[in-house]
Protein backbone atom coordinates (compact mmCIF):
# COMPACT_ATOMS: atom_id res chain seq x y z
CA MET A 1 78.58 102.07 100.97
CA ALA A 2 78.87 101.36 97.25
CA MET A 3 78.06 103.42 94.21
CA ALA A 4 74.43 103.51 93.20
CA ASP A 5 73.64 100.66 90.78
CA GLU A 6 72.37 102.98 88.05
CA GLU A 7 75.73 104.75 88.02
CA ASP A 8 77.85 101.60 87.91
CA VAL A 9 79.41 100.41 84.64
CA PRO A 10 81.04 97.02 85.38
CA LEU A 11 84.43 96.22 83.88
CA THR A 12 85.30 92.58 83.13
CA ASP A 13 88.19 90.80 81.43
CA LYS A 14 85.88 90.01 78.52
CA ASP A 15 85.41 93.73 77.90
CA LEU A 16 89.15 94.07 77.27
CA GLU A 17 89.57 91.15 74.85
CA THR A 18 89.08 92.92 71.52
CA GLU A 19 88.76 96.38 70.04
CA GLU A 20 85.07 95.67 69.43
CA SER A 21 84.41 94.66 73.04
CA MET A 22 86.28 97.74 74.27
CA TRP A 23 84.19 99.92 71.97
CA SER A 24 81.01 98.34 73.30
CA LEU A 25 82.18 99.03 76.85
CA TYR A 26 82.97 102.62 75.91
CA GLN A 27 79.49 103.12 74.46
CA ARG A 28 77.89 101.72 77.63
CA TRP A 29 80.06 104.07 79.68
CA ARG A 30 79.15 107.06 77.48
CA ALA A 31 75.44 106.32 77.87
CA VAL A 32 75.80 106.71 81.64
CA TYR A 33 78.48 109.35 82.09
CA ALA A 34 78.93 111.32 78.87
CA PRO A 35 75.81 111.31 76.66
CA SER A 36 76.48 114.91 75.61
CA ARG A 37 80.26 114.61 75.15
CA ASP A 38 81.56 116.27 71.98
CA LEU A 39 81.65 113.61 69.27
CA SER A 40 84.43 115.35 67.35
CA ASP A 41 87.10 114.03 69.69
CA MET A 42 85.56 110.62 70.34
CA GLU A 43 88.49 108.77 68.79
CA SER A 44 91.04 110.41 71.07
CA ARG A 45 88.74 110.02 74.09
CA PHE A 46 88.36 106.33 73.29
CA GLU A 47 92.14 105.85 73.33
CA VAL A 48 92.35 107.46 76.77
CA PHE A 49 89.39 105.40 77.97
CA LYS A 50 91.06 102.16 76.86
CA ALA A 51 94.26 103.00 78.69
CA ASN A 52 92.35 103.84 81.87
CA ALA A 53 90.22 100.69 81.64
CA ARG A 54 93.32 98.52 81.32
CA TYR A 55 94.97 100.31 84.24
CA ILE A 56 91.89 99.76 86.40
CA SER A 57 91.66 96.10 85.43
CA ASP A 58 95.35 95.46 86.09
CA PHE A 59 95.18 97.22 89.45
CA ASN A 60 92.17 95.25 90.62
CA LYS A 61 93.99 91.98 89.94
CA LYS A 62 96.70 92.81 92.47
CA LYS A 63 96.61 90.75 95.63
CA GLY A 64 96.12 92.21 99.07
CA MET A 65 94.81 95.63 98.05
CA SER A 66 92.37 97.31 100.45
CA TYR A 67 90.60 99.37 97.80
CA VAL A 68 89.12 98.90 94.34
CA LEU A 69 89.24 101.11 91.26
CA GLY A 70 86.39 101.43 88.79
CA LEU A 71 85.00 103.26 85.81
CA ASN A 72 83.47 106.64 86.59
CA LYS A 73 82.85 109.99 84.91
CA PHE A 74 86.60 110.64 84.74
CA SER A 75 87.43 107.50 82.78
CA ASP A 76 88.05 109.18 79.42
CA LEU A 77 90.37 111.82 80.88
CA THR A 78 94.12 111.66 81.23
CA TYR A 79 95.34 112.38 84.74
CA GLU A 80 96.58 115.79 83.61
CA GLU A 81 93.15 116.67 82.20
CA PHE A 82 91.42 115.38 85.31
CA ALA A 83 93.66 117.35 87.67
CA ALA A 84 93.26 120.55 85.65
CA LYS A 85 89.46 120.36 85.56
CA TYR A 86 88.44 118.74 88.82
CA THR A 87 90.91 119.66 91.54
CA GLY A 88 91.97 123.26 92.15
CA GLY A 89 93.41 123.39 95.65
CA LYS A 90 96.28 125.90 95.86
CA VAL A 91 97.70 125.93 99.36
CA ASP A 92 100.93 126.76 101.12
CA ALA A 93 101.16 123.82 103.48
CA SER A 94 104.40 125.15 104.95
CA ALA A 95 102.42 127.95 106.57
CA PHE A 96 100.73 125.44 108.86
CA ALA A 97 103.49 122.85 109.07
CA THR A 98 104.44 123.68 112.66
CA ALA A 99 101.04 124.82 113.86
CA THR A 100 99.82 123.82 117.29
CA SER A 101 96.42 124.12 118.92
CA SER A 102 95.96 125.98 122.18
CA PRO A 103 94.73 123.86 125.11
CA ASP A 104 91.47 125.79 125.37
CA GLU A 105 90.72 124.98 121.73
CA GLU A 106 90.93 121.25 122.24
CA LEU A 107 88.07 118.96 123.15
CA PRO A 108 86.54 118.89 126.61
CA VAL A 109 87.94 116.26 128.94
CA GLY A 110 87.22 112.81 127.60
CA VAL A 111 88.56 110.18 125.24
CA PRO A 112 87.30 110.23 121.64
CA PRO A 113 85.46 107.05 120.64
CA ALA A 114 87.11 104.50 118.37
CA THR A 115 84.85 105.58 115.51
CA TRP A 116 82.98 108.78 114.76
CA ASP A 117 80.86 109.88 111.80
CA TRP A 118 79.30 113.33 111.54
CA ARG A 119 76.95 112.01 108.84
CA LEU A 120 75.26 110.06 111.63
CA ASN A 121 75.07 113.15 113.81
CA GLY A 122 73.39 115.74 111.64
CA ALA A 123 76.37 117.87 110.59
CA VAL A 124 76.94 116.89 106.94
CA THR A 125 74.87 118.01 103.94
CA ASP A 126 74.40 115.93 100.79
CA VAL A 127 77.40 115.30 98.55
CA LYS A 128 77.76 118.07 95.99
CA ASP A 129 79.41 118.27 92.57
CA GLN A 130 81.89 121.01 91.67
CA GLY A 131 81.66 120.13 87.97
CA GLN A 132 84.41 121.11 85.54
CA CYS A 133 85.61 123.92 87.76
CA GLY A 134 88.64 123.96 90.03
CA SER A 135 86.51 125.03 92.99
CA CYS A 136 87.24 122.22 95.45
CA TRP A 137 88.69 124.84 97.81
CA VAL A 138 85.24 126.45 98.08
CA PHE A 139 83.45 123.16 98.74
CA SER A 140 86.01 122.21 101.39
CA ALA A 141 85.54 125.54 103.15
CA VAL A 142 81.74 125.62 102.95
CA GLY A 143 81.49 122.00 104.12
CA ALA A 144 83.44 122.87 107.27
CA VAL A 145 81.17 125.86 107.92
CA GLU A 146 78.01 123.80 107.35
CA GLY A 147 79.30 121.35 109.94
CA ILE A 148 80.16 123.75 112.76
CA ASN A 149 76.96 125.73 112.18
CA ALA A 150 74.84 122.58 112.50
CA ILE A 151 76.69 121.50 115.64
CA MET A 152 76.27 124.87 117.34
CA THR A 153 72.68 125.61 116.27
CA GLY A 154 71.10 122.21 115.63
CA ASN A 155 70.12 123.44 112.16
CA LEU A 156 71.80 121.79 109.16
CA LEU A 157 71.74 124.26 106.27
CA THR A 158 72.95 123.83 102.69
CA LEU A 159 75.14 126.87 102.13
CA SER A 160 76.23 128.60 98.94
CA GLU A 161 79.52 127.68 97.29
CA GLN A 162 78.57 129.96 94.41
CA GLN A 163 78.50 133.00 96.70
CA VAL A 164 82.02 132.29 97.95
CA LEU A 165 83.28 131.58 94.42
CA ASP A 166 81.73 134.79 93.04
CA CYS A 167 82.34 137.18 95.88
CA SER A 168 85.50 136.21 97.76
CA ASN A 169 88.03 137.26 95.09
CA THR A 170 90.34 134.54 96.40
CA GLY A 171 90.29 132.12 93.46
CA ASP A 172 88.41 130.85 90.43
CA CYS A 173 87.72 127.76 88.32
CA LEU A 174 90.90 127.93 86.26
CA LYS A 175 93.57 128.73 88.81
CA GLY A 176 91.88 127.20 91.83
CA GLY A 177 92.15 128.69 95.28
CA ASP A 178 92.95 128.28 98.96
CA PRO A 179 90.25 126.91 101.30
CA ARG A 180 91.71 128.92 104.18
CA ALA A 181 91.25 132.14 102.17
CA ALA A 182 87.66 131.13 101.44
CA LEU A 183 87.07 130.57 105.16
CA GLN A 184 88.52 133.97 105.96
CA TYR A 185 86.05 135.52 103.50
CA ILE A 186 83.20 133.74 105.30
CA VAL A 187 84.45 135.00 108.68
CA LYS A 188 84.29 138.55 107.37
CA ASN A 189 81.12 138.37 105.27
CA GLY A 190 79.13 135.30 106.26
CA VAL A 191 77.58 132.85 103.80
CA THR A 192 73.94 132.30 102.97
CA LEU A 193 71.73 129.47 101.71
CA ASP A 194 72.26 127.82 98.37
CA GLN A 195 69.29 127.85 96.01
CA CYS A 196 69.06 124.06 96.40
CA GLY A 197 68.91 124.28 100.19
CA LYS A 198 65.90 124.14 102.50
CA PRO A 199 64.01 126.34 103.06
CA PRO A 200 64.14 127.41 99.38
CA THR A 201 64.26 131.15 100.08
CA PRO A 202 66.02 133.39 100.76
CA TYR A 203 69.07 132.18 98.91
CA TYR A 204 72.00 132.95 96.65
CA PRO A 205 71.54 131.74 93.03
CA GLY A 206 72.50 128.09 92.58
CA TYR A 207 75.91 126.68 91.73
CA GLU A 208 76.90 126.98 88.04
CA ALA A 209 80.50 125.64 87.98
CA LYS A 210 81.86 129.00 86.88
CA LYS A 211 82.83 132.24 88.57
CA LEU A 212 80.30 135.02 87.98
CA ALA A 213 79.79 138.57 89.16
CA CYS A 214 78.91 138.82 92.84
CA ARG A 215 75.12 139.13 93.09
CA THR A 216 72.58 140.36 95.58
CA VAL A 217 71.05 137.66 97.74
CA THR A 218 67.31 137.15 97.32
CA GLY A 219 65.36 138.44 100.32
CA LYS A 220 66.96 138.87 103.74
CA PRO A 221 69.06 135.75 104.16
CA PRO A 222 69.89 134.02 107.41
CA ILE A 223 73.58 134.74 106.96
CA VAL A 224 75.64 132.05 108.68
CA LYS A 225 78.52 133.58 110.60
CA VAL A 226 81.68 132.01 111.99
CA ASP A 227 84.26 133.69 114.17
CA ALA A 228 87.78 132.63 113.26
CA VAL A 229 89.92 130.38 111.07
CA LYS A 230 92.45 128.21 112.88
CA PRO A 231 94.99 125.51 111.98
CA VAL A 232 94.97 122.00 113.32
CA ALA A 233 98.33 120.78 114.60
CA ASN A 234 100.13 118.79 111.92
CA THR A 235 99.65 115.30 113.37
CA GLU A 236 97.05 112.62 112.87
CA ALA A 237 96.37 112.51 116.61
CA ALA A 238 95.53 116.22 116.63
CA LEU A 239 93.36 115.85 113.55
CA LEU A 240 91.39 113.03 115.17
CA LEU A 241 90.62 115.20 118.20
CA LYS A 242 89.38 118.00 115.98
CA VAL A 243 87.34 115.73 113.72
CA PHE A 244 85.56 114.40 116.81
CA GLN A 245 84.73 118.03 117.56
CA GLN A 246 83.64 119.11 114.07
CA PRO A 247 84.12 118.49 110.31
CA ILE A 248 87.52 119.75 109.17
CA SER A 249 88.70 121.32 105.90
CA VAL A 250 91.85 119.62 104.60
CA GLY A 251 94.04 119.60 101.53
CA ILE A 252 95.24 116.38 99.89
CA ASP A 253 97.10 115.20 96.81
CA ALA A 254 94.45 113.91 94.40
CA SER A 255 96.47 111.29 92.53
CA ALA A 256 95.62 109.10 89.54
CA ASP A 257 94.40 106.32 91.84
CA LEU A 258 92.04 108.80 93.47
CA GLN A 259 90.72 109.66 90.01
CA HIS A 260 89.58 106.04 89.56
CA TYR A 261 88.74 105.20 93.20
CA LYS A 262 85.54 103.18 93.66
CA LYS A 263 85.46 101.68 97.15
CA GLY A 264 87.50 100.41 100.08
CA ILE A 265 90.18 101.94 102.29
CA PHE A 266 92.50 103.99 100.12
CA THR A 267 96.18 103.35 100.81
CA GLY A 268 97.40 104.21 97.38
CA HIS A 269 99.92 106.19 95.55
CA CYS A 270 99.92 109.89 96.42
CA LYS A 271 102.29 112.57 97.64
CA THR A 272 102.30 114.67 100.81
CA ALA A 273 103.15 117.80 98.78
CA PRO A 274 102.16 119.69 96.80
CA LEU A 275 98.48 119.47 97.70
CA ASN A 276 96.01 120.01 94.86
CA HIS A 277 92.56 119.20 96.21
CA GLY A 278 90.34 120.36 99.07
CA VAL A 279 87.92 118.02 100.87
CA VAL A 280 86.22 117.73 104.27
CA VAL A 281 87.06 115.14 106.92
CA VAL A 282 83.70 114.15 108.43
CA GLY A 283 84.70 111.19 110.58
CA TYR A 284 87.00 108.28 111.21
CA GLY A 285 86.67 104.56 111.74
CA VAL A 286 88.21 101.12 111.98
CA ALA A 287 87.75 98.37 109.41
CA THR A 288 85.93 95.19 110.40
CA THR A 289 88.55 93.12 108.56
CA PRO A 290 91.10 91.14 110.59
CA ASP A 291 93.77 93.82 110.15
CA LYS A 292 91.41 96.45 111.64
CA THR A 293 92.81 99.20 109.42
CA LYS A 294 92.08 102.68 110.73
CA TYR A 295 90.71 105.22 108.28
CA TRP A 296 89.46 108.76 107.76
CA ILE A 297 86.08 109.49 106.14
CA LEU A 298 86.43 112.24 103.54
CA LYS A 299 83.56 114.04 101.84
CA ASN A 300 84.48 114.91 98.26
CA SER A 301 82.82 117.26 95.76
CA TRP A 302 82.72 115.08 92.63
CA GLY A 303 79.11 113.93 92.99
CA LYS A 304 77.64 110.71 94.37
CA GLY A 305 78.75 108.65 91.37
CA TRP A 306 82.39 108.80 92.46
CA GLY A 307 83.77 106.57 95.21
CA GLU A 308 81.51 105.40 98.01
CA ASP A 309 78.49 107.58 97.20
CA GLY A 310 80.80 110.59 96.96
CA TYR A 311 83.02 109.71 99.94
CA ILE A 312 86.39 108.04 100.31
CA ARG A 313 87.84 106.15 103.24
CA MET A 314 91.56 106.92 103.52
CA LYS A 315 94.02 105.07 105.74
CA ARG A 316 95.00 106.90 108.93
CA ASP A 317 97.81 106.46 111.44
CA VAL A 318 100.25 105.72 108.63
CA GLY A 319 103.24 106.74 110.74
CA THR A 320 104.67 109.28 108.31
CA PRO A 321 104.72 113.10 108.59
CA GLY A 322 101.70 114.70 106.99
CA GLY A 323 99.64 111.52 106.93
CA LEU A 324 98.53 109.78 103.74
CA CYS A 325 98.30 112.20 100.79
CA GLY A 326 99.30 115.08 103.09
CA ILE A 327 95.98 115.06 104.93
CA THR A 328 97.29 116.73 108.11
CA THR A 329 99.52 119.38 106.53
CA TYR A 330 96.77 121.93 105.82
CA ALA A 331 93.95 120.92 108.15
CA THR A 332 91.83 123.93 109.07
CA TYR A 333 88.79 124.54 111.26
CA VAL A 334 86.51 127.44 112.08
CA THR A 335 85.15 128.53 115.43
CA LYS A 336 81.60 129.66 116.09
CA LYS A 337 80.10 131.08 119.24
CA CYS A 338 76.39 130.63 119.65
CA PRO A 339 74.46 133.44 121.43
CA CYS A 340 72.31 130.78 123.05
CA PRO A 341 73.14 127.38 124.58
CA ALA A 342 74.41 124.97 121.95
CA ASN A 343 71.73 122.66 120.61
CA PRO A 344 73.64 119.73 119.12
CA PRO A 345 71.95 117.53 116.53
CA THR A 346 70.23 114.35 117.65
CA ILE A 347 72.52 111.34 117.41
CA ILE A 348 71.26 108.61 115.10
CA THR A 349 72.66 105.15 114.72
CA SER A 350 72.42 104.27 111.02
CA TYR A 351 73.39 105.81 107.71
């Protein structure tokens, strides 16, 4: 999957030749990504944009890379600005570092397939956008709940991140938060439909990229309940078993290369700690290239204009503790018991 054409601003060597060509590129980028950006700091933004454009161009000229960088809505931000505004995961990975899963919590007898994608199996809502708010921890938590609820009920609902942000008292936009704490709030209180979900009512008011006072839900909502929050054992093998069972909330290190990621299997520079960003693992696969690189499929919350329509494929089975970018060190899932026989979504074969 590639970015939508209308959201793609190509970058060529010719764009980097002169100050005038760089300025022209910047104006094309602004028309797509930042038409309302404050003009008072355009000069300083342009300097950052130029540095990022050169970095992207130089990276893409490297031989043998499995992923590509590109211009996106973060291209006039320094890494420090980007991390402060668009990440927000605050987790204590050491708390789960030695976690193990009980046998009765593992999958039924059977071998997981070589590839699995919950997007093809009715358990993943549309990609969302957290905006300039460090609320990734909420999106990671709610995405995991949307997944297990769809699997257990056969009903894929778009749930409210704004409710969890407003009402959980576990984090905010400035300081971020812990996806596990958000999940624990949902266990205790449930979570209802987002205003953008279907059916349109009842719902909690739509996402605003800021923490507001906790509000009353319109009507009598079909509150989605889950039963418990549990860790996944800190290995890639254990994570694969759980991802085959349901979408999983994880923490990762969102590095500078992630800021500019466009497509391909990410193998790039990142740390295993500290973790600063929450996402949802919704599947795994194997590349069709000769090296048959194995990868995770991660749903992000930076909108469809980032990465592969809002997703990133990240290399798996890297052979180091914590996995790439620390993906296994804070993997968390929720359990849900259905009062009636489970009605799993219909499996489809294309995406």
